[in-house]
């Protein structure tokens, strides 16, 4: 049933979702390791993706006819800058959560949930102002024709067509974040603030600063994750919404038990099923089979898109009891009470 082209498409989606989910989950890991529950990962992914895509559209207009937007080499520079814009957008967005949670000591879950809605609203307003069209849609495959790979090999062409330089930046970011969390003093201090902030404070660690830093790194990673996924997705027009990927990142984080290495494995597990759904249903359609198992739920195409979310629910039910979150997660720290 699957041909070389289908396997190539599967690999493309796997790379795209795998890198995006790892970074998105690391976004939650860094925030929560420091003690801040980051329910706003969904909003960070939306805001980072939108700002990055708007920047790409701007470059397409400002640099029309130049090598930057007409050659694959020039696009490396453009997408590198797009990644930086997405990271900065996530960084700015993080302060909406960290300031209210740390300075005002508000309920972090409530604030994060509200920020997810705020992010979509802000992006829609900006999009309307730029495009002069009252629509929650923006173009995401501006340079798709230049990003096509034509080697004559169906597997290679389908696996790498549409992928851009943000994928490389994503891999570098994953390695850097893993090293920071596991091998540096900063990672150790972040974890200390999430486990026992009073003890961390007693040895001279600024708990408030570490929580700002953890949330900033986390939201920046999520912003980059959103940009990678939606700039590589071959849909043409993107509805300004993260499709629940931010909440899935939280589920992956819990499934991975707040361990940087475990999160990589869990992210790739879910990435496979997200990659399988569009590839499998497209292969069936190409064969003229739109209802493979007639009369059952397995015959409905939406079932295969539902499957990753269903697996997330099942894994959370099974493994949530054994997961161990940072002890001070979600608890505002008051230095005077130490």
C-alpha atoms as a PDB file:
ATOM      1  CA  UNK A   1       0.000   0.000   0.000  1.00  0.00           C
ATOM      2  CA  UNK A   2       2.825   2.391   0.898  1.00  0.00           C
ATOM      3  CA  UNK A   3       5.207   3.351  -1.871  1.00  0.00           C
ATOM      4  CA  UNK A   4       8.549   5.136  -1.694  1.00  0.00           C
ATOM      5  CA  UNK A   5       6.820   8.520  -1.985  1.00  0.00           C
ATOM      6  CA  UNK A   6       4.508   7.698   0.924  1.00  0.00           C
ATOM      7  CA  UNK A   7       7.406   6.641   3.141  1.00  0.00           C
ATOM      8  CA  UNK A   8       9.180   9.857   2.198  1.00  0.00           C
ATOM      9  CA  UNK A   9       6.145  11.900   3.246  1.00  0.00           C
ATOM     10  CA  UNK A  10       6.006   9.951   6.512  1.00  0.00           C
ATOM     11  CA  UNK A  11       9.626  10.847   7.253  1.00  0.00           C
ATOM     12  CA  UNK A  12       8.994  14.506   6.467  1.00  0.00           C
ATOM     13  CA  UNK A  13       6.089  14.759   8.903  1.00  0.00           C
ATOM     14  CA  UNK A  14       8.034  12.747  11.484  1.00  0.00           C
ATOM     15  CA  UNK A  15      10.948  15.190  11.341  1.00  0.00           C
ATOM     16  CA  UNK A  16       8.650  18.210  11.484  1.00  0.00           C
ATOM     17  CA  UNK A  17       6.511  16.996  14.371  1.00  0.00           C
ATOM     18  CA  UNK A  18       9.378  15.333  16.211  1.00  0.00           C
ATOM     19  CA  UNK A  19      11.472  18.494  16.437  1.00  0.00           C
ATOM     20  CA  UNK A  20       8.419  20.654  17.165  1.00  0.00           C
ATOM     21  CA  UNK A  21       7.114  18.412  19.949  1.00  0.00           C
ATOM     22  CA  UNK A  22      10.516  18.078  21.612  1.00  0.00           C
ATOM     23  CA  UNK A  23      11.002  21.850  21.677  1.00  0.00           C
ATOM     24  CA  UNK A  24       7.422  22.445  22.798  1.00  0.00           C
ATOM     25  CA  UNK A  25       7.812  19.949  25.633  1.00  0.00           C
ATOM     26  CA  UNK A  26      11.161  21.455  26.596  1.00  0.00           C
ATOM     27  CA  UNK A  27       9.262  24.718  26.831  1.00  0.00           C
ATOM     28  CA  UNK A  28       7.137  23.224  29.567  1.00  0.00           C
ATOM     29  CA  UNK A  29      10.127  21.487  31.165  1.00  0.00           C
ATOM     30  CA  UNK A  30      12.192  24.640  31.649  1.00  0.00           C
ATOM     31  CA  UNK A  31       9.248  26.611  33.010  1.00  0.00           C
ATOM     32  CA  UNK A  32       8.043  23.930  35.375  1.00  0.00           C
ATOM     33  CA  UNK A  33      11.534  22.900  36.480  1.00  0.00           C
ATOM     34  CA  UNK A  34      11.828  26.421  37.890  1.00  0.00           C
ATOM     35  CA  UNK A  35       8.405  26.190  39.537  1.00  0.00           C
ATOM     36  CA  UNK A  36       6.098  27.912  37.023  1.00  0.00           C
ATOM     37  CA  UNK A  37       3.270  25.885  35.447  1.00  0.00           C
ATOM     38  CA  UNK A  38       3.274  26.861  31.789  1.00  0.00           C
ATOM     39  CA  UNK A  39      -0.236  26.120  30.541  1.00  0.00           C
ATOM     40  CA  UNK A  40       0.390  28.937  28.041  1.00  0.00           C
ATOM     41  CA  UNK A  41       2.576  26.738  25.799  1.00  0.00           C
ATOM     42  CA  UNK A  42      -0.238  26.731  23.255  1.00  0.00           C
ATOM     43  CA  UNK A  43      -0.208  30.523  23.182  1.00  0.00           C
ATOM     44  CA  UNK A  44       3.584  30.646  22.918  1.00  0.00           C
ATOM     45  CA  UNK A  45       3.502  28.307  19.920  1.00  0.00           C
ATOM     46  CA  UNK A  46       0.801  30.373  18.221  1.00  0.00           C
ATOM     47  CA  UNK A  47       2.551  33.682  18.853  1.00  0.00           C
ATOM     48  CA  UNK A  48       5.982  32.420  17.785  1.00  0.00           C
ATOM     49  CA  UNK A  49       4.628  30.780  14.646  1.00  0.00           C
ATOM     50  CA  UNK A  50       2.571  33.798  13.651  1.00  0.00           C
ATOM     51  CA  UNK A  51       5.321  36.358  14.154  1.00  0.00           C
ATOM     52  CA  UNK A  52       7.772  34.173  12.254  1.00  0.00           C
ATOM     53  CA  UNK A  53       5.382  33.685   9.344  1.00  0.00           C
ATOM     54  CA  UNK A  54       4.497  37.386   9.200  1.00  0.00           C
ATOM     55  CA  UNK A  55       8.221  38.128   9.063  1.00  0.00           C
ATOM     56  CA  UNK A  56       8.598  35.709   6.126  1.00  0.00           C
ATOM     57  CA  UNK A  57       5.768  37.472   4.313  1.00  0.00           C
ATOM     58  CA  UNK A  58       7.441  40.807   4.958  1.00  0.00           C
ATOM     59  CA  UNK A  59      10.766  39.561   3.619  1.00  0.00           C
ATOM     60  CA  UNK A  60       8.996  38.263   0.526  1.00  0.00           C
ATOM     61  CA  UNK A  61       7.726  41.792  -0.141  1.00  0.00           C
ATOM     62  CA  UNK A  62      10.713  43.826   0.998  1.00  0.00           C
ATOM     63  CA  UNK A  63      13.305  41.683  -0.779  1.00  0.00           C
ATOM     64  CA  UNK A  64      11.279  40.782  -3.888  1.00  0.00           C
ATOM     65  CA  UNK A  65      13.534  39.790  -6.765  1.00  0.00           C
ATOM     66  CA  UNK A  66      16.693  39.501  -4.649  1.00  0.00           C
ATOM     67  CA  UNK A  67      18.654  36.320  -3.986  1.00  0.00           C
ATOM     68  CA  UNK A  68      17.235  36.190  -0.443  1.00  0.00           C
ATOM     69  CA  UNK A  69      13.799  35.112  -1.669  1.00  0.00           C
ATOM     70  CA  UNK A  70      14.644  33.521  -5.006  1.00  0.00           C
ATOM     71  CA  UNK A  71      17.413  31.063  -4.097  1.00  0.00           C
ATOM     72  CA  UNK A  72      17.664  28.227  -1.592  1.00  0.00           C
ATOM     73  CA  UNK A  73      20.883  29.753  -0.197  1.00  0.00           C
ATOM     74  CA  UNK A  74      19.175  33.070   0.430  1.00  0.00           C
ATOM     75  CA  UNK A  75      16.273  31.341   2.139  1.00  0.00           C
ATOM     76  CA  UNK A  76      18.664  29.894   4.708  1.00  0.00           C
ATOM     77  CA  UNK A  77      19.296  33.466   5.893  1.00  0.00           C
ATOM     78  CA  UNK A  78      15.590  34.333   5.748  1.00  0.00           C
ATOM     79  CA  UNK A  79      14.508  31.301   7.768  1.00  0.00           C
ATOM     80  CA  UNK A  80      17.336  31.829  10.254  1.00  0.00           C
ATOM     81  CA  UNK A  81      16.013  35.336  10.855  1.00  0.00           C
ATOM     82  CA  UNK A  82      12.472  33.929  11.021  1.00  0.00           C
ATOM     83  CA  UNK A  83      13.599  31.565  13.786  1.00  0.00           C
ATOM     84  CA  UNK A  84      15.096  34.483  15.706  1.00  0.00           C
ATOM     85  CA  UNK A  85      11.831  36.421  15.363  1.00  0.00           C
ATOM     86  CA  UNK A  86       9.848  33.408  16.653  1.00  0.00           C
ATOM     87  CA  UNK A  87      12.230  32.999  19.595  1.00  0.00           C
ATOM     88  CA  UNK A  88      11.997  36.688  20.498  1.00  0.00           C
ATOM     89  CA  UNK A  89       8.210  36.538  20.200  1.00  0.00           C
ATOM     90  CA  UNK A  90       8.130  33.619  22.629  1.00  0.00           C
ATOM     91  CA  UNK A  91      10.485  35.497  24.937  1.00  0.00           C
ATOM     92  CA  UNK A  92       8.242  38.573  25.018  1.00  0.00           C
ATOM     93  CA  UNK A  93       5.150  36.435  25.488  1.00  0.00           C
ATOM     94  CA  UNK A  94       6.751  34.681  28.468  1.00  0.00           C
ATOM     95  CA  UNK A  95       6.736  37.869  30.527  1.00  0.00           C
ATOM     96  CA  UNK A  96       2.951  38.010  30.418  1.00  0.00           C
ATOM     97  CA  UNK A  97       2.947  34.740  32.345  1.00  0.00           C
ATOM     98  CA  UNK A  98       6.011  35.196  34.538  1.00  0.00           C
ATOM     99  CA  UNK A  99       5.220  38.743  35.686  1.00  0.00           C
ATOM    100  CA  UNK A 100       1.666  37.902  36.731  1.00  0.00           C
ATOM    101  CA  UNK A 101       2.714  34.584  38.298  1.00  0.00           C
ATOM    102  CA  UNK A 102       5.873  35.762  40.081  1.00  0.00           C
ATOM    103  CA  UNK A 103       5.237  39.423  40.869  1.00  0.00           C
ATOM    104  CA  UNK A 104       1.479  39.328  41.403  1.00  0.00           C
ATOM    105  CA  UNK A 105       1.439  35.683  42.605  1.00  0.00           C
ATOM    106  CA  UNK A 106      -1.691  34.900  40.588  1.00  0.00           C
ATOM    107  CA  UNK A 107      -2.970  31.391  39.929  1.00  0.00           C
ATOM    108  CA  UNK A 108      -0.644  30.122  37.200  1.00  0.00           C
ATOM    109  CA  UNK A 109      -3.119  27.688  35.651  1.00  0.00           C
ATOM    110  CA  UNK A 110      -5.810  30.343  35.267  1.00  0.00           C
ATOM    111  CA  UNK A 111      -3.360  32.902  33.868  1.00  0.00           C
ATOM    112  CA  UNK A 112      -1.877  30.404  31.409  1.00  0.00           C
ATOM    113  CA  UNK A 113      -5.286  29.343  30.160  1.00  0.00           C
ATOM    114  CA  UNK A 114      -6.301  32.960  29.608  1.00  0.00           C
ATOM    115  CA  UNK A 115      -3.057  33.715  27.759  1.00  0.00           C
ATOM    116  CA  UNK A 116      -3.766  30.975  25.233  1.00  0.00           C
ATOM    117  CA  UNK A 117      -6.881  32.874  24.183  1.00  0.00           C
ATOM    118  CA  UNK A 118      -5.116  36.222  24.331  1.00  0.00           C
ATOM    119  CA  UNK A 119      -2.357  34.984  21.999  1.00  0.00           C
ATOM    120  CA  UNK A 120      -4.820  33.981  19.283  1.00  0.00           C
ATOM    121  CA  UNK A 121      -6.680  37.287  19.674  1.00  0.00           C
ATOM    122  CA  UNK A 122      -3.496  39.384  19.435  1.00  0.00           C
ATOM    123  CA  UNK A 123      -2.300  37.493  16.349  1.00  0.00           C
ATOM    124  CA  UNK A 124      -5.687  37.835  14.653  1.00  0.00           C
ATOM    125  CA  UNK A 125      -5.771  41.588  15.312  1.00  0.00           C
ATOM    126  CA  UNK A 126      -2.236  42.045  13.978  1.00  0.00           C
ATOM    127  CA  UNK A 127      -3.064  39.926  10.936  1.00  0.00           C
ATOM    128  CA  UNK A 128      -6.146  42.022  10.214  1.00  0.00           C
ATOM    129  CA  UNK A 129      -4.132  45.233  10.465  1.00  0.00           C
ATOM    130  CA  UNK A 130      -1.450  43.943   8.110  1.00  0.00           C
ATOM    131  CA  UNK A 131      -3.612  42.219   5.505  1.00  0.00           C
ATOM    132  CA  UNK A 132      -6.667  44.506   5.820  1.00  0.00           C
ATOM    133  CA  UNK A 133      -8.765  41.338   5.718  1.00  0.00           C
ATOM    134  CA  UNK A 134     -10.865  40.354   8.732  1.00  0.00           C
ATOM    135  CA  UNK A 135      -9.757  36.723   8.738  1.00  0.00           C
ATOM    136  CA  UNK A 136      -7.897  34.442  11.195  1.00  0.00           C
ATOM    137  CA  UNK A 137      -5.842  33.015   8.327  1.00  0.00           C
ATOM    138  CA  UNK A 138      -2.338  33.694   7.085  1.00  0.00           C
ATOM    139  CA  UNK A 139      -0.157  32.172   4.386  1.00  0.00           C
ATOM    140  CA  UNK A 140       2.479  29.712   5.528  1.00  0.00           C
ATOM    141  CA  UNK A 141       3.999  28.148   2.390  1.00  0.00           C
ATOM    142  CA  UNK A 142       5.314  31.315   0.744  1.00  0.00           C
ATOM    143  CA  UNK A 143       8.542  29.746  -0.497  1.00  0.00           C
ATOM    144  CA  UNK A 144       7.227  26.239  -1.154  1.00  0.00           C
ATOM    145  CA  UNK A 145       8.271  26.215  -4.826  1.00  0.00           C
ATOM    146  CA  UNK A 146      11.888  27.045  -3.947  1.00  0.00           C
ATOM    147  CA  UNK A 147      11.926  24.428  -1.185  1.00  0.00           C
ATOM    148  CA  UNK A 148      11.000  21.611  -3.561  1.00  0.00           C
ATOM    149  CA  UNK A 149      13.642  18.882  -3.859  1.00  0.00           C
ATOM    150  CA  UNK A 150      13.963  17.298  -7.297  1.00  0.00           C
ATOM    151  CA  UNK A 151      16.429  14.420  -7.321  1.00  0.00           C
ATOM    152  CA  UNK A 152      14.255  11.971  -9.223  1.00  0.00           C
ATOM    153  CA  UNK A 153      14.082   9.732  -6.154  1.00  0.00           C
ATOM    154  CA  UNK A 154      10.491   9.682  -4.874  1.00  0.00           C
ATOM    155  CA  UNK A 155      11.516   8.917  -1.296  1.00  0.00           C
ATOM    156  CA  UNK A 156      14.098  11.714  -1.011  1.00  0.00           C
ATOM    157  CA  UNK A 157      11.943  14.247  -2.866  1.00  0.00           C
ATOM    158  CA  UNK A 158       8.944  13.700  -0.605  1.00  0.00           C
ATOM    159  CA  UNK A 159      11.006  13.443   2.578  1.00  0.00           C
ATOM    160  CA  UNK A 160      12.792  16.778   2.217  1.00  0.00           C
ATOM    161  CA  UNK A 161      10.575  18.959   0.015  1.00  0.00           C
ATOM    162  CA  UNK A 162       9.049  21.719   2.082  1.00  0.00           C
ATOM    163  CA  UNK A 163      11.459  21.409   4.996  1.00  0.00           C
ATOM    164  CA  UNK A 164      13.350  24.621   5.646  1.00  0.00           C
ATOM    165  CA  UNK A 165      16.395  25.744   7.613  1.00  0.00           C
ATOM    166  CA  UNK A 166      14.336  26.107  10.793  1.00  0.00           C
ATOM    167  CA  UNK A 167      14.610  22.317  11.129  1.00  0.00           C
ATOM    168  CA  UNK A 168      18.389  22.617  11.483  1.00  0.00           C
ATOM    169  CA  UNK A 169      17.997  25.424  14.032  1.00  0.00           C
ATOM    170  CA  UNK A 170      15.524  23.230  15.902  1.00  0.00           C
ATOM    171  CA  UNK A 171      17.980  20.332  16.152  1.00  0.00           C
ATOM    172  CA  UNK A 172      20.709  22.674  17.411  1.00  0.00           C
ATOM    173  CA  UNK A 173      18.271  24.138  19.953  1.00  0.00           C
ATOM    174  CA  UNK A 174      17.307  20.680  21.230  1.00  0.00           C
ATOM    175  CA  UNK A 175      20.949  19.753  21.821  1.00  0.00           C
ATOM    176  CA  UNK A 176      21.641  23.088  23.516  1.00  0.00           C
ATOM    177  CA  UNK A 177      18.587  22.853  25.791  1.00  0.00           C
ATOM    178  CA  UNK A 178      19.386  19.251  26.761  1.00  0.00           C
ATOM    179  CA  UNK A 179      22.928  20.275  27.725  1.00  0.00           C
ATOM    180  CA  UNK A 180      21.691  23.304  29.665  1.00  0.00           C
ATOM    181  CA  UNK A 181      19.213  21.269  31.683  1.00  0.00           C
ATOM    182  CA  UNK A 182      21.484  18.303  32.408  1.00  0.00           C
ATOM    183  CA  UNK A 183      25.050  19.560  32.308  1.00  0.00           C
ATOM    184  CA  UNK A 184      25.163  23.166  33.461  1.00  0.00           C
ATOM    185  CA  UNK A 185      24.910  25.121  36.698  1.00  0.00           C
ATOM    186  CA  UNK A 186      21.924  26.996  35.288  1.00  0.00           C
ATOM    187  CA  UNK A 187      19.979  23.753  34.826  1.00  0.00           C
ATOM    188  CA  UNK A 188      20.839  22.672  38.353  1.00  0.00           C
ATOM    189  CA  UNK A 189      19.690  25.992  39.773  1.00  0.00           C
ATOM    190  CA  UNK A 190      16.442  25.883  37.809  1.00  0.00           C
ATOM    191  CA  UNK A 191      15.661  22.422  39.167  1.00  0.00           C
ATOM    192  CA  UNK A 192      16.552  23.527  42.688  1.00  0.00           C
ATOM    193  CA  UNK A 193      14.084  26.410  42.479  1.00  0.00           C
ATOM    194  CA  UNK A 194      11.365  24.022  41.357  1.00  0.00           C
ATOM    195  CA  UNK A 195      12.065  21.445  44.055  1.00  0.00           C
ATOM    196  CA  UNK A 196      12.855  23.550  47.113  1.00  0.00           C
ATOM    197  CA  UNK A 197      12.975  27.299  46.472  1.00  0.00           C
ATOM    198  CA  UNK A 198      13.598  28.139  50.130  1.00  0.00           C
ATOM    199  CA  UNK A 199      16.698  25.956  50.214  1.00  0.00           C
ATOM    200  CA  UNK A 200      17.877  27.419  46.917  1.00  0.00           C
ATOM    201  CA  UNK A 201      17.370  30.929  48.277  1.00  0.00           C
ATOM    202  CA  UNK A 202      19.338  30.074  51.417  1.00  0.00           C
ATOM    203  CA  UNK A 203      22.471  29.365  49.353  1.00  0.00           C
ATOM    204  CA  UNK A 204      22.240  32.612  47.415  1.00  0.00           C
ATOM    205  CA  UNK A 205      20.180  31.615  44.366  1.00  0.00           C
ATOM    206  CA  UNK A 206      17.746  34.311  43.272  1.00  0.00           C
ATOM    207  CA  UNK A 207      14.545  32.256  42.960  1.00  0.00           C
ATOM    208  CA  UNK A 208      12.572  35.020  41.270  1.00  0.00           C
ATOM    209  CA  UNK A 209      15.268  35.535  38.644  1.00  0.00           C
ATOM    210  CA  UNK A 210      15.555  31.802  37.960  1.00  0.00           C
ATOM    211  CA  UNK A 211      11.806  31.540  37.448  1.00  0.00           C
ATOM    212  CA  UNK A 212      11.849  34.450  35.011  1.00  0.00           C
ATOM    213  CA  UNK A 213      14.739  32.796  33.162  1.00  0.00           C
ATOM    214  CA  UNK A 214      13.100  29.361  33.122  1.00  0.00           C
ATOM    215  CA  UNK A 215       9.826  30.725  31.782  1.00  0.00           C
ATOM    216  CA  UNK A 216      11.656  32.851  29.201  1.00  0.00           C
ATOM    217  CA  UNK A 217      13.663  29.887  27.884  1.00  0.00           C
ATOM    218  CA  UNK A 218      10.572  27.683  27.890  1.00  0.00           C
ATOM    219  CA  UNK A 219       8.335  30.094  25.995  1.00  0.00           C
ATOM    220  CA  UNK A 220      11.116  30.867  23.510  1.00  0.00           C
ATOM    221  CA  UNK A 221      11.520  27.156  22.804  1.00  0.00           C
ATOM    222  CA  UNK A 222       7.757  26.808  22.336  1.00  0.00           C
ATOM    223  CA  UNK A 223       7.693  29.805  19.983  1.00  0.00           C
ATOM    224  CA  UNK A 224      10.408  28.219  17.859  1.00  0.00           C
ATOM    225  CA  UNK A 225       8.519  24.909  17.948  1.00  0.00           C
ATOM    226  CA  UNK A 226       5.382  26.541  16.580  1.00  0.00           C
ATOM    227  CA  UNK A 227       7.331  28.246  13.801  1.00  0.00           C
ATOM    228  CA  UNK A 228       9.029  24.990  12.760  1.00  0.00           C
ATOM    229  CA  UNK A 229       5.781  23.031  12.574  1.00  0.00           C
ATOM    230  CA  UNK A 230       3.660  25.602  10.770  1.00  0.00           C
ATOM    231  CA  UNK A 231       6.358  26.869   8.410  1.00  0.00           C
ATOM    232  CA  UNK A 232       6.992  23.302   7.219  1.00  0.00           C
ATOM    233  CA  UNK A 233       3.361  22.224   7.046  1.00  0.00           C
ATOM    234  CA  UNK A 234       2.179  22.120   3.397  1.00  0.00           C
ATOM    235  CA  UNK A 235      -1.274  23.579   3.968  1.00  0.00           C
ATOM    236  CA  UNK A 236      -0.953  26.932   2.166  1.00  0.00           C
ATOM    237  CA  UNK A 237      -3.227  28.840   4.527  1.00  0.00           C
ATOM    238  CA  UNK A 238      -2.778  28.499   8.274  1.00  0.00           C
ATOM    239  CA  UNK A 239      -5.666  29.104  10.626  1.00  0.00           C
ATOM    240  CA  UNK A 240      -4.107  31.001  13.546  1.00  0.00           C
ATOM    241  CA  UNK A 241      -4.333  28.171  16.039  1.00  0.00           C
ATOM    242  CA  UNK A 242      -1.844  25.662  17.458  1.00  0.00           C
ATOM    243  CA  UNK A 243      -4.327  22.762  17.059  1.00  0.00           C
ATOM    244  CA  UNK A 244      -3.798  21.642  20.644  1.00  0.00           C
ATOM    245  CA  UNK A 245      -0.081  20.961  20.147  1.00  0.00           C
ATOM    246  CA  UNK A 246       0.779  23.037  23.215  1.00  0.00           C
ATOM    247  CA  UNK A 247      -1.430  20.892  25.423  1.00  0.00           C
ATOM    248  CA  UNK A 248       0.021  17.770  23.823  1.00  0.00           C
ATOM    249  CA  UNK A 249       3.484  19.099  24.746  1.00  0.00           C
ATOM    250  CA  UNK A 250       2.337  19.254  28.370  1.00  0.00           C
ATOM    251  CA  UNK A 251       1.116  15.658  28.121  1.00  0.00           C
ATOM    252  CA  UNK A 252       4.475  14.594  26.658  1.00  0.00           C
ATOM    253  CA  UNK A 253       6.259  16.370  29.490  1.00  0.00           C
ATOM    254  CA  UNK A 254       4.206  14.475  32.070  1.00  0.00           C
ATOM    255  CA  UNK A 255       4.657  11.198  30.155  1.00  0.00           C
ATOM    256  CA  UNK A 256       8.414  11.848  30.138  1.00  0.00           C
ATOM    257  CA  UNK A 257       8.355  12.478  33.894  1.00  0.00           C
ATOM    258  CA  UNK A 258      10.013  15.884  33.559  1.00  0.00           C
ATOM    259  CA  UNK A 259      13.256  14.293  32.305  1.00  0.00           C
ATOM    260  CA  UNK A 260      14.934  15.889  29.283  1.00  0.00           C
ATOM    261  CA  UNK A 261      15.996  12.577  27.714  1.00  0.00           C
ATOM    262  CA  UNK A 262      12.666  10.836  28.314  1.00  0.00           C
ATOM    263  CA  UNK A 263      10.860  13.765  26.700  1.00  0.00           C
ATOM    264  CA  UNK A 264      12.784  13.189  23.466  1.00  0.00           C
ATOM    265  CA  UNK A 265      11.645   9.571  23.265  1.00  0.00           C
ATOM    266  CA  UNK A 266       8.046  10.421  24.157  1.00  0.00           C
ATOM    267  CA  UNK A 267       7.947  13.247  21.604  1.00  0.00           C
ATOM    268  CA  UNK A 268       9.171  10.962  18.824  1.00  0.00           C
ATOM    269  CA  UNK A 269       6.552   8.381  19.828  1.00  0.00           C
ATOM    270  CA  UNK A 270       3.709  10.854  19.347  1.00  0.00           C
ATOM    271  CA  UNK A 271       5.375  12.401  16.296  1.00  0.00           C
ATOM    272  CA  UNK A 272       5.181   9.053  14.532  1.00  0.00           C
ATOM    273  CA  UNK A 273       1.420   8.818  14.963  1.00  0.00           C
ATOM    274  CA  UNK A 274       0.930  12.431  13.917  1.00  0.00           C
ATOM    275  CA  UNK A 275       3.007  11.673  10.825  1.00  0.00           C
ATOM    276  CA  UNK A 276       1.171   8.418  10.170  1.00  0.00           C
ATOM    277  CA  UNK A 277      -2.329   9.965  10.074  1.00  0.00           C
ATOM    278  CA  UNK A 278      -1.974  12.267   7.014  1.00  0.00           C
ATOM    279  CA  UNK A 279       0.352   9.847   5.219  1.00  0.00           C
ATOM    280  CA  UNK A 280      -1.905   6.823   5.649  1.00  0.00           C
ATOM    281  CA  UNK A 281      -5.121   8.608   4.712  1.00  0.00           C
ATOM    282  CA  UNK A 282      -3.456  10.257   1.686  1.00  0.00           C
ATOM    283  CA  UNK A 283      -2.160   6.870   0.517  1.00  0.00           C
ATOM    284  CA  UNK A 284      -5.653   5.417   0.782  1.00  0.00           C
ATOM    285  CA  UNK A 285      -7.123   8.323  -1.180  1.00  0.00           C
ATOM    286  CA  UNK A 286      -4.532   7.865  -3.925  1.00  0.00           C
ATOM    287  CA  UNK A 287      -5.692   4.283  -4.206  1.00  0.00           C
ATOM    288  CA  UNK A 288      -9.319   5.384  -4.343  1.00  0.00           C
ATOM    289  CA  UNK A 289     -10.021   3.931  -0.906  1.00  0.00           C
ATOM    290  CA  UNK A 290     -11.776   6.500   1.246  1.00  0.00           C
ATOM    291  CA  UNK A 291     -13.428   4.077   3.657  1.00  0.00           C
ATOM    292  CA  UNK A 292     -10.992   1.224   4.333  1.00  0.00           C
ATOM    293  CA  UNK A 293     -13.107  -0.625   6.899  1.00  0.00           C
ATOM    294  CA  UNK A 294     -16.668   0.267   6.029  1.00  0.00           C
ATOM    295  CA  UNK A 295     -19.182   0.440   8.845  1.00  0.00           C
ATOM    296  CA  UNK A 296     -16.620   0.778  11.661  1.00  0.00           C
ATOM    297  CA  UNK A 297     -14.901   3.657  13.387  1.00  0.00           C
ATOM    298  CA  UNK A 298     -11.647   2.497  11.806  1.00  0.00           C
ATOM    299  CA  UNK A 299     -13.139   3.319   8.434  1.00  0.00           C
ATOM    300  CA  UNK A 300     -13.455   7.000   9.268  1.00  0.00           C
ATOM    301  CA  UNK A 301     -10.492   9.136   8.212  1.00  0.00           C
ATOM    302  CA  UNK A 302     -10.820  11.445  11.252  1.00  0.00           C
ATOM    303  CA  UNK A 303     -10.104   8.423  13.473  1.00  0.00           C
ATOM    304  CA  UNK A 304      -6.475   8.376  12.379  1.00  0.00           C
ATOM    305  CA  UNK A 305      -6.149  12.080  13.217  1.00  0.00           C
ATOM    306  CA  UNK A 306      -7.793  11.433  16.576  1.00  0.00           C
ATOM    307  CA  UNK A 307      -5.457   8.529  17.374  1.00  0.00           C
ATOM    308  CA  UNK A 308      -2.479  10.591  18.710  1.00  0.00           C
ATOM    309  CA  UNK A 309      -4.732  12.540  21.074  1.00  0.00           C
ATOM    310  CA  UNK A 310      -6.378   9.313  22.206  1.00  0.00           C
ATOM    311  CA  UNK A 311      -2.952   7.824  22.904  1.00  0.00           C
ATOM    312  CA  UNK A 312      -2.041  10.939  24.890  1.00  0.00           C
ATOM    313  CA  UNK A 313      -5.141  10.464  27.044  1.00  0.00           C
ATOM    314  CA  UNK A 314      -4.408   6.768  27.602  1.00  0.00           C
ATOM    315  CA  UNK A 315      -0.761   7.339  28.493  1.00  0.00           C
ATOM    316  CA  UNK A 316      -1.672  10.088  30.946  1.00  0.00           C
ATOM    317  CA  UNK A 317      -4.204   7.838  32.664  1.00  0.00           C
ATOM    318  CA  UNK A 318      -1.672   5.021  32.923  1.00  0.00           C
ATOM    319  CA  UNK A 319       1.509   6.910  33.787  1.00  0.00           C
ATOM    320  CA  UNK A 320       0.318  10.051  35.580  1.00  0.00           C
ATOM    321  CA  UNK A 321       0.241   8.279  38.949  1.00  0.00           C
ATOM    322  CA  UNK A 322       3.922   7.381  38.596  1.00  0.00           C
ATOM    323  CA  UNK A 323       5.032  10.783  37.348  1.00  0.00           C
ATOM    324  CA  UNK A 324       6.772  13.123  39.747  1.00  0.00           C
ATOM    325  CA  UNK A 325       6.434  16.845  39.110  1.00  0.00           C
ATOM    326  CA  UNK A 326       8.759  19.380  40.752  1.00  0.00           C
ATOM    327  CA  UNK A 327       7.567  19.734  44.338  1.00  0.00           C
ATOM    328  CA  UNK A 328       7.206  23.522  44.256  1.00  0.00           C
ATOM    329  CA  UNK A 329       5.559  23.626  40.837  1.00  0.00           C
ATOM    330  CA  UNK A 330       2.722  26.128  40.725  1.00  0.00           C
ATOM    331  CA  UNK A 331       3.407  27.431  44.254  1.00  0.00           C
ATOM    332  CA  UNK A 332       4.223  31.160  44.370  1.00  0.00           C
ATOM    333  CA  UNK A 333       7.413  31.806  46.319  1.00  0.00           C
ATOM    334  CA  UNK A 334       7.425  34.394  49.074  1.00  0.00           C
ATOM    335  CA  UNK A 335      10.919  35.282  50.216  1.00  0.00           C
ATOM    336  CA  UNK A 336       9.691  36.767  53.473  1.00  0.00           C
ATOM    337  CA  UNK A 337       8.145  33.447  54.545  1.00  0.00           C
ATOM    338  CA  UNK A 338      11.461  31.553  54.291  1.00  0.00           C
END
